[in-house]
PDB file of all heavy atoms in Angstrom:
ATOM      1  N   PHE A   1       0.385  15.553   9.420  1.00  0.00           N
ATOM      2  CA  PHE A   1      -0.369  16.604   8.758  1.00  0.00           C
ATOM      3  C   PHE A   1      -0.005  16.627   7.268  1.00  0.00           C
ATOM      4  O   PHE A   1      -0.782  17.205   6.524  1.00  0.00           O
ATOM      5  CB  PHE A   1      -0.127  17.980   9.411  1.00  0.00           C
ATOM      6  CG  PHE A   1       1.318  18.435   9.352  1.00  0.00           C
ATOM      7  CD1 PHE A   1       1.744  19.180   8.211  1.00  0.00           C
ATOM      8  CD2 PHE A   1       2.164  18.152  10.341  1.00  0.00           C
ATOM      9  CE1 PHE A   1       3.058  19.615   8.122  1.00  0.00           C
ATOM     10  CE2 PHE A   1       3.531  18.598  10.294  1.00  0.00           C
ATOM     11  CZ  PHE A   1       3.927  19.318   9.146  1.00  0.00           C
ATOM     12  N   SER A   2       1.110  16.146   6.888  1.00  0.00           N
ATOM     13  CA  SER A   2       1.494  16.231   5.503  1.00  0.00           C
ATOM     14  C   SER A   2       1.124  14.955   4.701  1.00  0.00           C
ATOM     15  O   SER A   2       1.354  14.872   3.484  1.00  0.00           O
ATOM     16  CB  SER A   2       3.036  16.396   5.370  1.00  0.00           C
ATOM     17  OG  SER A   2       3.678  15.265   5.944  1.00  0.00           O
ATOM     18  N   THR A   3       0.489  13.990   5.395  1.00  0.00           N
ATOM     19  CA  THR A   3       0.120  12.738   4.710  1.00  0.00           C
ATOM     20  C   THR A   3      -1.201  12.949   3.920  1.00  0.00           C
ATOM     21  O   THR A   3      -2.175  13.275   4.485  1.00  0.00           O
ATOM     22  CB  THR A   3      -0.098  11.642   5.763  1.00  0.00           C
ATOM     23  OG1 THR A   3       1.127  11.440   6.460  1.00  0.00           O
ATOM     24  CG2 THR A   3      -0.495  10.297   5.050  1.00  0.00           C
ATOM     25  N   TYR A   4      -1.133  12.651   2.629  1.00  0.00           N
ATOM     26  CA  TYR A   4      -2.396  12.801   1.797  1.00  0.00           C
ATOM     27  C   TYR A   4      -3.097  11.495   1.547  1.00  0.00           C
ATOM     28  O   TYR A   4      -4.265  11.473   1.216  1.00  0.00           O
ATOM     29  CB  TYR A   4      -2.035  13.495   0.527  1.00  0.00           C
ATOM     30  CG  TYR A   4      -1.109  12.864  -0.423  1.00  0.00           C
ATOM     31  CD1 TYR A   4      -1.460  11.926  -1.326  1.00  0.00           C
ATOM     32  CD2 TYR A   4       0.276  13.207  -0.345  1.00  0.00           C
ATOM     33  CE1 TYR A   4      -0.614  11.310  -2.144  1.00  0.00           C
ATOM     34  CE2 TYR A   4       1.196  12.607  -1.189  1.00  0.00           C
ATOM     35  CZ  TYR A   4       0.757  11.635  -2.103  1.00  0.00           C
ATOM     36  OH  TYR A   4       1.672  10.983  -2.954  1.00  0.00           O
ATOM     37  N   ASN A   5      -2.358  10.366   1.635  1.00  0.00           N
ATOM     38  CA  ASN A   5      -3.074   9.091   1.586  1.00  0.00           C
ATOM     39  C   ASN A   5      -2.312   8.087   2.412  1.00  0.00           C
ATOM     40  O   ASN A   5      -1.129   8.252   2.690  1.00  0.00           O
ATOM     41  CB  ASN A   5      -3.298   8.662   0.111  1.00  0.00           C
ATOM     42  CG  ASN A   5      -2.059   8.176  -0.617  1.00  0.00           C
ATOM     43  OD1 ASN A   5      -0.942   8.155  -0.127  1.00  0.00           O
ATOM     44  ND2 ASN A   5      -2.178   7.902  -1.903  1.00  0.00           N
ATOM     45  N   MET A   6      -2.995   6.982   2.672  1.00  0.00           N
ATOM     46  CA  MET A   6      -2.354   5.779   3.286  1.00  0.00           C
ATOM     47  C   MET A   6      -2.988   4.495   2.591  1.00  0.00           C
ATOM     48  O   MET A   6      -4.002   4.616   2.044  1.00  0.00           O
ATOM     49  CB  MET A   6      -2.585   5.808   4.739  1.00  0.00           C
ATOM     50  CG  MET A   6      -1.855   6.904   5.523  1.00  0.00           C
ATOM     51  SD  MET A   6      -2.174   6.916   7.330  1.00  0.00           S
ATOM     52  CE  MET A   6      -1.420   5.417   7.837  1.00  0.00           C
ATOM     53  N   GLY A   7      -2.278   3.441   2.736  1.00  0.00           N
ATOM     54  CA  GLY A   7      -2.802   2.276   2.195  1.00  0.00           C
ATOM     55  C   GLY A   7      -1.974   1.051   2.571  1.00  0.00           C
ATOM     56  O   GLY A   7      -1.118   1.073   3.443  1.00  0.00           O
ATOM     57  N   TRP A   8      -2.213  -0.036   1.823  1.00  0.00           N
ATOM     58  CA  TRP A   8      -1.618  -1.344   2.136  1.00  0.00           C
ATOM     59  C   TRP A   8      -1.075  -1.992   0.891  1.00  0.00           C
ATOM     60  O   TRP A   8      -1.680  -1.890  -0.229  1.00  0.00           O
ATOM     61  CB  TRP A   8      -2.652  -2.216   2.758  1.00  0.00           C
ATOM     62  CG  TRP A   8      -3.176  -1.800   4.126  1.00  0.00           C
ATOM     63  CD1 TRP A   8      -4.283  -0.994   4.289  1.00  0.00           C
ATOM     64  CD2 TRP A   8      -2.644  -2.077   5.365  1.00  0.00           C
ATOM     65  NE1 TRP A   8      -4.465  -0.784   5.619  1.00  0.00           N
ATOM     66  CE2 TRP A   8      -3.455  -1.419   6.349  1.00  0.00           C
ATOM     67  CE3 TRP A   8      -1.547  -2.838   5.797  1.00  0.00           C
ATOM     68  CZ2 TRP A   8      -3.211  -1.517   7.677  1.00  0.00           C
ATOM     69  CZ3 TRP A   8      -1.310  -2.873   7.148  1.00  0.00           C
ATOM     70  CH2 TRP A   8      -2.115  -2.229   8.071  1.00  0.00           C
ATOM     71  N   PHE A   9       0.064  -2.607   1.069  1.00  0.00           N
ATOM     72  CA  PHE A   9       0.743  -3.400   0.028  1.00  0.00           C
ATOM     73  C   PHE A   9       0.956  -4.763   0.659  1.00  0.00           C
ATOM     74  O   PHE A   9       0.949  -4.941   1.891  1.00  0.00           O
ATOM     75  CB  PHE A   9       2.002  -2.787  -0.427  1.00  0.00           C
ATOM     76  CG  PHE A   9       1.790  -1.464  -1.093  1.00  0.00           C
ATOM     77  CD1 PHE A   9       1.493  -0.324  -0.422  1.00  0.00           C
ATOM     78  CD2 PHE A   9       1.876  -1.403  -2.505  1.00  0.00           C
ATOM     79  CE1 PHE A   9       1.349   0.932  -1.086  1.00  0.00           C
ATOM     80  CE2 PHE A   9       1.685  -0.148  -3.175  1.00  0.00           C
ATOM     81  CZ  PHE A   9       1.393   0.994  -2.445  1.00  0.00           C
ATOM     82  N   ARG A  10       1.273  -5.743  -0.220  1.00  0.00           N
ATOM     83  CA  ARG A  10       1.617  -7.094   0.288  1.00  0.00           C
ATOM     84  C   ARG A  10       2.693  -7.696  -0.542  1.00  0.00           C
ATOM     85  O   ARG A  10       2.856  -7.360  -1.707  1.00  0.00           O
ATOM     86  CB  ARG A  10       0.405  -7.989   0.434  1.00  0.00           C
ATOM     87  CG  ARG A  10      -0.223  -8.383  -0.871  1.00  0.00           C
ATOM     88  CD  ARG A  10      -1.523  -9.147  -0.674  1.00  0.00           C
ATOM     89  NE  ARG A  10      -2.143  -9.563  -1.873  1.00  0.00           N
ATOM     90  CZ  ARG A  10      -3.263 -10.215  -1.938  1.00  0.00           C
ATOM     91  NH1 ARG A  10      -3.988 -10.440  -0.842  1.00  0.00           N
ATOM     92  NH2 ARG A  10      -3.783 -10.580  -3.148  1.00  0.00           N
ATOM     93  N   GLN A  11       3.436  -8.615   0.025  1.00  0.00           N
ATOM     94  CA  GLN A  11       4.463  -9.333  -0.705  1.00  0.00           C
ATOM     95  C   GLN A  11       4.549 -10.773  -0.214  1.00  0.00           C
ATOM     96  O   GLN A  11       4.811 -11.030   0.939  1.00  0.00           O
ATOM     97  CB  GLN A  11       5.842  -8.635  -0.525  1.00  0.00           C
ATOM     98  CG  GLN A  11       6.923  -9.212  -1.390  1.00  0.00           C
ATOM     99  CD  GLN A  11       8.157  -8.326  -1.419  1.00  0.00           C
ATOM    100  OE1 GLN A  11       8.383  -7.449  -0.526  1.00  0.00           O
ATOM    101  NE2 GLN A  11       8.977  -8.481  -2.443  1.00  0.00           N
ATOM    102  N   ALA A  12       4.321 -11.672  -1.115  1.00  0.00           N
ATOM    103  CA  ALA A  12       4.406 -13.083  -0.874  1.00  0.00           C
ATOM    104  C   ALA A  12       5.883 -13.584  -1.224  1.00  0.00           C
ATOM    105  O   ALA A  12       6.515 -12.944  -2.084  1.00  0.00           O
ATOM    106  CB  ALA A  12       3.400 -13.882  -1.650  1.00  0.00           C
ATOM    107  N   PRO A  13       6.252 -14.717  -0.685  1.00  0.00           N
ATOM    108  CA  PRO A  13       7.617 -15.213  -1.000  1.00  0.00           C
ATOM    109  C   PRO A  13       7.767 -15.449  -2.500  1.00  0.00           C
ATOM    110  O   PRO A  13       6.906 -16.039  -3.127  1.00  0.00           O
ATOM    111  CB  PRO A  13       7.641 -16.514  -0.181  1.00  0.00           C
ATOM    112  CG  PRO A  13       6.722 -16.334   0.988  1.00  0.00           C
ATOM    113  CD  PRO A  13       5.573 -15.529   0.417  1.00  0.00           C
ATOM    114  N   GLY A  14       8.834 -14.970  -3.007  1.00  0.00           N
ATOM    115  CA  GLY A  14       9.144 -15.114  -4.446  1.00  0.00           C
ATOM    116  C   GLY A  14       8.394 -14.233  -5.363  1.00  0.00           C
ATOM    117  O   GLY A  14       8.584 -14.332  -6.551  1.00  0.00           O
ATOM    118  N   LYS A  15       7.579 -13.301  -4.859  1.00  0.00           N
ATOM    119  CA  LYS A  15       6.806 -12.374  -5.653  1.00  0.00           C
ATOM    120  C   LYS A  15       7.172 -10.953  -5.311  1.00  0.00           C
ATOM    121  O   LYS A  15       7.681 -10.648  -4.297  1.00  0.00           O
ATOM    122  CB  LYS A  15       5.353 -12.597  -5.451  1.00  0.00           C
ATOM    123  CG  LYS A  15       4.766 -13.929  -5.849  1.00  0.00           C
ATOM    124  CD  LYS A  15       3.272 -13.997  -5.780  1.00  0.00           C
ATOM    125  CE  LYS A  15       2.697 -15.337  -6.276  1.00  0.00           C
ATOM    126  NZ  LYS A  15       1.266 -15.392  -6.178  1.00  0.00           N
ATOM    127  N   GLU A  16       6.849 -10.064  -6.270  1.00  0.00           N
ATOM    128  CA  GLU A  16       7.074  -8.661  -6.095  1.00  0.00           C
ATOM    129  C   GLU A  16       6.014  -8.038  -5.155  1.00  0.00           C
ATOM    130  O   GLU A  16       4.893  -8.655  -5.034  1.00  0.00           O
ATOM    131  CB  GLU A  16       7.029  -7.907  -7.468  1.00  0.00           C
ATOM    132  CG  GLU A  16       8.154  -8.308  -8.386  1.00  0.00           C
ATOM    133  CD  GLU A  16       8.086  -7.463  -9.673  1.00  0.00           C
ATOM    134  OE1 GLU A  16       7.101  -6.824  -9.941  1.00  0.00           O
ATOM    135  OE2 GLU A  16       9.106  -7.468 -10.404  1.00  0.00           O
ATOM    136  N   ARG A  17       6.328  -6.965  -4.547  1.00  0.00           N
ATOM    137  CA  ARG A  17       5.419  -6.310  -3.682  1.00  0.00           C
ATOM    138  C   ARG A  17       4.238  -5.714  -4.563  1.00  0.00           C
ATOM    139  O   ARG A  17       4.510  -5.148  -5.611  1.00  0.00           O
ATOM    140  CB  ARG A  17       6.065  -5.167  -2.913  1.00  0.00           C
ATOM    141  CG  ARG A  17       5.174  -4.600  -1.819  1.00  0.00           C
ATOM    142  CD  ARG A  17       6.065  -3.696  -0.876  1.00  0.00           C
ATOM    143  NE  ARG A  17       7.086  -4.447  -0.234  1.00  0.00           N
ATOM    144  CZ  ARG A  17       7.821  -3.966   0.746  1.00  0.00           C
ATOM    145  NH1 ARG A  17       7.732  -2.702   1.171  1.00  0.00           N
ATOM    146  NH2 ARG A  17       8.813  -4.705   1.292  1.00  0.00           N
ATOM    147  N   GLU A  18       2.992  -5.929  -4.147  1.00  0.00           N
ATOM    148  CA  GLU A  18       1.912  -5.498  -4.856  1.00  0.00           C
ATOM    149  C   GLU A  18       0.930  -4.592  -4.100  1.00  0.00           C
ATOM    150  O   GLU A  18       0.831  -4.748  -2.871  1.00  0.00           O
ATOM    151  CB  GLU A  18       1.123  -6.677  -5.421  1.00  0.00           C
ATOM    152  CG  GLU A  18       0.434  -7.604  -4.393  1.00  0.00           C
ATOM    153  CD  GLU A  18      -0.344  -8.685  -5.017  1.00  0.00           C
ATOM    154  OE1 GLU A  18      -0.649  -8.616  -6.273  1.00  0.00           O
ATOM    155  OE2 GLU A  18      -0.748  -9.590  -4.260  1.00  0.00           O
ATOM    156  N   PHE A  19       0.264  -3.721  -4.799  1.00  0.00           N
ATOM    157  CA  PHE A  19      -0.689  -2.872  -4.220  1.00  0.00           C
ATOM    158  C   PHE A  19      -1.946  -3.615  -3.788  1.00  0.00           C
ATOM    159  O   PHE A  19      -2.415  -4.483  -4.489  1.00  0.00           O
ATOM    160  CB  PHE A  19      -0.999  -1.713  -5.194  1.00  0.00           C
ATOM    161  CG  PHE A  19      -2.257  -0.902  -4.778  1.00  0.00           C
ATOM    162  CD1 PHE A  19      -2.227   0.020  -3.815  1.00  0.00           C
ATOM    163  CD2 PHE A  19      -3.486  -1.113  -5.473  1.00  0.00           C
ATOM    164  CE1 PHE A  19      -3.302   0.783  -3.470  1.00  0.00           C
ATOM    165  CE2 PHE A  19      -4.598  -0.449  -5.121  1.00  0.00           C
ATOM    166  CZ  PHE A  19      -4.507   0.551  -4.123  1.00  0.00           C
ATOM    167  N   VAL A  20      -2.543  -3.186  -2.616  1.00  0.00           N
ATOM    168  CA  VAL A  20      -3.738  -3.797  -2.100  1.00  0.00           C
ATOM    169  C   VAL A  20      -4.892  -2.797  -2.116  1.00  0.00           C
ATOM    170  O   VAL A  20      -5.975  -3.093  -2.639  1.00  0.00           O
ATOM    171  CB  VAL A  20      -3.517  -4.452  -0.780  1.00  0.00           C
ATOM    172  CG1 VAL A  20      -4.816  -5.032  -0.206  1.00  0.00           C
ATOM    173  CG2 VAL A  20      -2.484  -5.546  -0.837  1.00  0.00           C
ATOM    174  N   ALA A  21      -4.731  -1.750  -1.324  1.00  0.00           N
ATOM    175  CA  ALA A  21      -5.764  -0.764  -1.142  1.00  0.00           C
ATOM    176  C   ALA A  21      -5.253   0.581  -0.685  1.00  0.00           C
ATOM    177  O   ALA A  21      -4.140   0.645  -0.090  1.00  0.00           O
ATOM    178  CB  ALA A  21      -6.728  -1.270  -0.078  1.00  0.00           C
ATOM    179  N   GLN A  22      -5.980   1.633  -0.973  1.00  0.00           N
ATOM    180  CA  GLN A  22      -5.541   2.903  -0.512  1.00  0.00           C
ATOM    181  C   GLN A  22      -6.800   3.736  -0.032  1.00  0.00           C
ATOM    182  O   GLN A  22      -7.887   3.489  -0.491  1.00  0.00           O
ATOM    183  CB  GLN A  22      -4.847   3.788  -1.596  1.00  0.00           C
ATOM    184  CG  GLN A  22      -5.697   4.344  -2.700  1.00  0.00           C
ATOM    185  CD  GLN A  22      -4.937   5.164  -3.698  1.00  0.00           C
ATOM    186  OE1 GLN A  22      -4.074   4.731  -4.369  1.00  0.00           O
ATOM    187  NE2 GLN A  22      -5.292   6.500  -3.702  1.00  0.00           N
ATOM    188  N   LEU A  23      -6.453   4.710   0.861  1.00  0.00           N
ATOM    189  CA  LEU A  23      -7.436   5.610   1.308  1.00  0.00           C
ATOM    190  C   LEU A  23      -6.880   7.074   1.190  1.00  0.00           C
ATOM    191  O   LEU A  23      -5.808   7.361   1.583  1.00  0.00           O
ATOM    192  CB  LEU A  23      -7.699   5.386   2.794  1.00  0.00           C
ATOM    193  CG  LEU A  23      -8.601   6.391   3.556  1.00  0.00           C
ATOM    194  CD1 LEU A  23     -10.028   6.352   3.075  1.00  0.00           C
ATOM    195  CD2 LEU A  23      -8.547   6.167   5.089  1.00  0.00           C
ATOM    196  N   ASN A  24      -7.666   7.881   0.528  1.00  0.00           N
ATOM    197  CA  ASN A  24      -7.349   9.300   0.350  1.00  0.00           C
ATOM    198  C   ASN A  24      -7.990  10.089   1.439  1.00  0.00           C
ATOM    199  O   ASN A  24      -9.224  10.063   1.572  1.00  0.00           O
ATOM    200  CB  ASN A  24      -7.791   9.797  -1.002  1.00  0.00           C
ATOM    201  CG  ASN A  24      -7.152   9.012  -2.181  1.00  0.00           C
ATOM    202  OD1 ASN A  24      -5.953   8.859  -2.178  1.00  0.00           O
ATOM    203  ND2 ASN A  24      -7.962   8.530  -3.076  1.00  0.00           N
ATOM    204  N   TRP A  25      -7.152  10.819   2.257  1.00  0.00           N
ATOM    205  CA  TRP A  25      -7.686  11.526   3.341  1.00  0.00           C
ATOM    206  C   TRP A  25      -8.590  12.651   3.005  1.00  0.00           C
ATOM    207  O   TRP A  25      -9.545  13.013   3.783  1.00  0.00           O
ATOM    208  CB  TRP A  25      -6.588  11.969   4.275  1.00  0.00           C
ATOM    209  CG  TRP A  25      -5.829  10.901   5.047  1.00  0.00           C
ATOM    210  CD1 TRP A  25      -4.564  10.501   4.896  1.00  0.00           C
ATOM    211  CD2 TRP A  25      -6.424  10.055   6.066  1.00  0.00           C
ATOM    212  NE1 TRP A  25      -4.290   9.459   5.771  1.00  0.00           N
ATOM    213  CE2 TRP A  25      -5.364   9.220   6.524  1.00  0.00           C
ATOM    214  CE3 TRP A  25      -7.674  10.037   6.666  1.00  0.00           C
ATOM    215  CZ2 TRP A  25      -5.625   8.291   7.519  1.00  0.00           C
ATOM    216  CZ3 TRP A  25      -7.888   9.063   7.671  1.00  0.00           C
ATOM    217  CH2 TRP A  25      -6.853   8.206   8.079  1.00  0.00           C
TER     218      TRP A  25
END
């Protein structure tokens, strides 16, 4: 009930984690 958004990130070998997509509830 306290979650205001959810989304996805990804991380390839040797790279930093990066933002992919978000959904605002």
